[in-house]
């Protein structure tokens, strides 16, 4: 019995030790108009809101993966210009179907070279596009299968 308890203790210690690696918790973006950004992320990407602790009308939190959140924070003085390679990415089942969802929103899309209206196809066959949110943040949308 003592050996079993010792073995369980060792396994528990090893499993806890393996959790010491850093993992992504959230991505935060600083925006001008929270309501406009919420409409974008809730409407275009259909992200689900999650409880946020501030309740001050300046924050919205979204679930973007199991245990990972997007924090949208109001307070920026103006939209900024960002590099295309500085982006977050969402995968969808079909890029062409996602493009159909963009049309009612009148959102332009770009390829990996920032050329408008062109889909990139990676060497592994994954299709990619990029869009800007209302504050200029780049978002890649691809059809990668995990």
Protein backbone atom coordinates (compact mmCIF):
# COMPACT_ATOMS: atom_id res chain seq x y z
CA UNK A 1 0.00 0.00 0.00
CA UNK A 2 2.84 2.39 0.87
CA UNK A 3 4.44 1.69 -2.54
CA UNK A 4 1.16 2.46 -4.31
CA UNK A 5 0.81 5.75 -2.45
CA UNK A 6 4.43 6.61 -3.25
CA UNK A 7 3.89 5.78 -6.93
CA UNK A 8 0.76 7.93 -7.06
CA UNK A 9 2.66 10.78 -5.37
CA UNK A 10 5.47 10.53 -7.94
CA UNK A 11 3.01 10.49 -10.86
CA UNK A 12 1.15 13.46 -9.41
CA UNK A 13 4.42 15.37 -8.94
CA UNK A 14 5.48 14.63 -12.53
CA UNK A 15 2.11 15.71 -13.93
CA UNK A 16 2.17 18.96 -11.96
CA UNK A 17 5.78 19.59 -13.00
CA UNK A 18 4.76 19.22 -16.65
CA UNK A 19 2.29 22.06 -16.18
CA UNK A 20 5.01 24.58 -15.42
CA UNK A 21 5.35 25.45 -19.10
CA UNK A 22 3.89 28.76 -20.19
CA UNK A 23 0.66 28.59 -22.17
CA UNK A 24 -1.33 31.24 -23.96
CA UNK A 25 -3.99 32.78 -21.71
CA UNK A 26 -5.27 35.72 -23.75
CA UNK A 27 -4.62 38.22 -26.52
CA UNK A 28 -5.51 41.83 -25.70
CA UNK A 29 -6.28 44.53 -28.23
CA UNK A 30 -6.71 48.26 -27.52
CA UNK A 31 -9.58 49.81 -29.50
CA UNK A 32 -11.24 53.17 -30.08
CA UNK A 33 -14.91 52.11 -30.08
CA UNK A 34 -15.77 49.05 -28.00
CA UNK A 35 -19.28 48.70 -29.42
CA UNK A 36 -18.00 48.75 -33.00
CA UNK A 37 -15.36 46.13 -32.17
CA UNK A 38 -17.90 43.96 -30.35
CA UNK A 39 -20.19 44.09 -33.38
CA UNK A 40 -17.26 43.00 -35.57
CA UNK A 41 -16.01 40.10 -33.41
CA UNK A 42 -19.49 38.89 -32.44
CA UNK A 43 -20.95 39.30 -35.93
CA UNK A 44 -18.20 38.51 -38.42
CA UNK A 45 -16.37 35.88 -36.38
CA UNK A 46 -19.33 34.81 -34.24
CA UNK A 47 -17.16 34.68 -31.12
CA UNK A 48 -18.87 33.98 -27.82
CA UNK A 49 -18.45 36.51 -25.02
CA UNK A 50 -17.25 35.30 -21.64
CA UNK A 51 -17.61 36.99 -18.27
CA UNK A 52 -15.22 39.88 -17.69
CA UNK A 53 -14.57 41.15 -14.17
CA UNK A 54 -14.50 44.90 -14.74
CA UNK A 55 -18.12 45.65 -15.70
CA UNK A 56 -17.07 49.19 -16.63
CA UNK A 57 -18.28 49.29 -20.24
CA UNK A 58 -14.69 49.45 -21.50
CA UNK A 59 -13.93 45.73 -21.77
CA UNK A 60 -15.28 42.74 -23.68
CA UNK A 61 -13.85 39.26 -23.41
CA UNK A 62 -14.31 36.49 -25.97
CA UNK A 63 -13.48 32.82 -25.93
CA UNK A 64 -11.18 32.09 -28.88
CA UNK A 65 -9.99 28.59 -27.93
CA UNK A 66 -10.33 26.30 -24.93
CA UNK A 67 -8.89 28.29 -22.04
CA UNK A 68 -7.82 31.20 -24.29
CA UNK A 69 -9.52 34.60 -24.47
CA UNK A 70 -9.48 37.73 -26.58
CA UNK A 71 -9.66 40.87 -24.42
CA UNK A 72 -11.00 43.91 -26.26
CA UNK A 73 -10.23 47.09 -24.32
CA UNK A 74 -11.60 50.54 -25.17
CA UNK A 75 -9.39 53.58 -24.78
CA UNK A 76 -7.22 53.96 -27.88
CA UNK A 77 -7.24 57.49 -29.29
CA UNK A 78 -7.29 56.37 -32.95
CA UNK A 79 -6.94 53.26 -35.11
CA UNK A 80 -3.34 52.38 -35.92
CA UNK A 81 -1.56 50.84 -38.89
CA UNK A 82 -0.07 47.40 -38.24
CA UNK A 83 2.15 45.06 -40.22
CA UNK A 84 0.33 42.17 -41.90
CA UNK A 85 2.70 39.70 -40.26
CA UNK A 86 1.63 40.96 -36.84
CA UNK A 87 -1.73 39.20 -36.69
CA UNK A 88 -3.90 36.65 -34.95
CA UNK A 89 -5.44 33.82 -36.91
CA UNK A 90 -8.74 31.96 -36.92
CA UNK A 91 -9.34 28.75 -38.84
CA UNK A 92 -12.65 28.11 -40.58
CA UNK A 93 -13.94 25.04 -42.42
CA UNK A 94 -13.91 26.86 -45.79
CA UNK A 95 -12.29 30.14 -46.79
CA UNK A 96 -14.62 30.61 -49.82
CA UNK A 97 -17.66 30.15 -47.54
CA UNK A 98 -16.19 32.62 -45.05
CA UNK A 99 -15.74 35.14 -47.88
CA UNK A 100 -19.49 34.91 -48.53
CA UNK A 101 -20.07 35.86 -44.89
CA UNK A 102 -17.86 38.96 -45.34
CA UNK A 103 -19.93 40.39 -48.19
CA UNK A 104 -22.83 41.79 -46.10
CA UNK A 105 -20.26 43.46 -43.84
CA UNK A 106 -18.47 45.10 -46.81
CA UNK A 107 -15.12 43.91 -45.48
CA UNK A 108 -12.18 43.78 -47.86
CA UNK A 109 -9.78 40.83 -47.77
CA UNK A 110 -6.16 40.51 -48.78
CA UNK A 111 -3.56 37.86 -49.53
CA UNK A 112 -0.21 37.35 -47.79
CA UNK A 113 1.30 40.23 -49.81
CA UNK A 114 -1.55 42.59 -48.82
CA UNK A 115 -2.97 42.46 -52.35
CA UNK A 116 -6.74 43.08 -52.20
CA UNK A 117 -9.25 40.42 -53.22
CA UNK A 118 -6.75 37.57 -53.60
CA UNK A 119 -6.63 34.26 -51.69
CA UNK A 120 -3.22 32.85 -50.76
CA UNK A 121 -2.69 29.10 -51.04
CA UNK A 122 0.23 27.88 -48.95
CA UNK A 123 2.55 25.14 -50.18
CA UNK A 124 0.64 22.68 -47.99
CA UNK A 125 -2.67 23.60 -49.67
CA UNK A 126 -4.09 25.71 -46.85
CA UNK A 127 -6.04 28.73 -48.13
CA UNK A 128 -5.49 32.05 -46.33
CA UNK A 129 -6.87 35.57 -46.34
CA UNK A 130 -6.34 38.58 -44.10
CA UNK A 131 -8.86 41.17 -42.95
CA UNK A 132 -8.62 44.24 -40.74
CA UNK A 133 -10.78 44.79 -37.70
CA UNK A 134 -12.21 48.30 -37.13
CA UNK A 135 -8.97 49.43 -35.45
CA UNK A 136 -6.60 48.11 -38.12
CA UNK A 137 -5.56 44.88 -36.41
CA UNK A 138 -4.82 42.18 -38.98
CA UNK A 139 -6.61 38.85 -38.73
CA UNK A 140 -5.65 35.86 -40.82
CA UNK A 141 -8.42 33.44 -41.71
CA UNK A 142 -7.39 30.04 -43.02
CA UNK A 143 -8.79 26.56 -43.54
CA UNK A 144 -6.03 24.64 -41.74
CA UNK A 145 -7.21 21.34 -40.28
CA UNK A 146 -5.83 20.37 -36.86
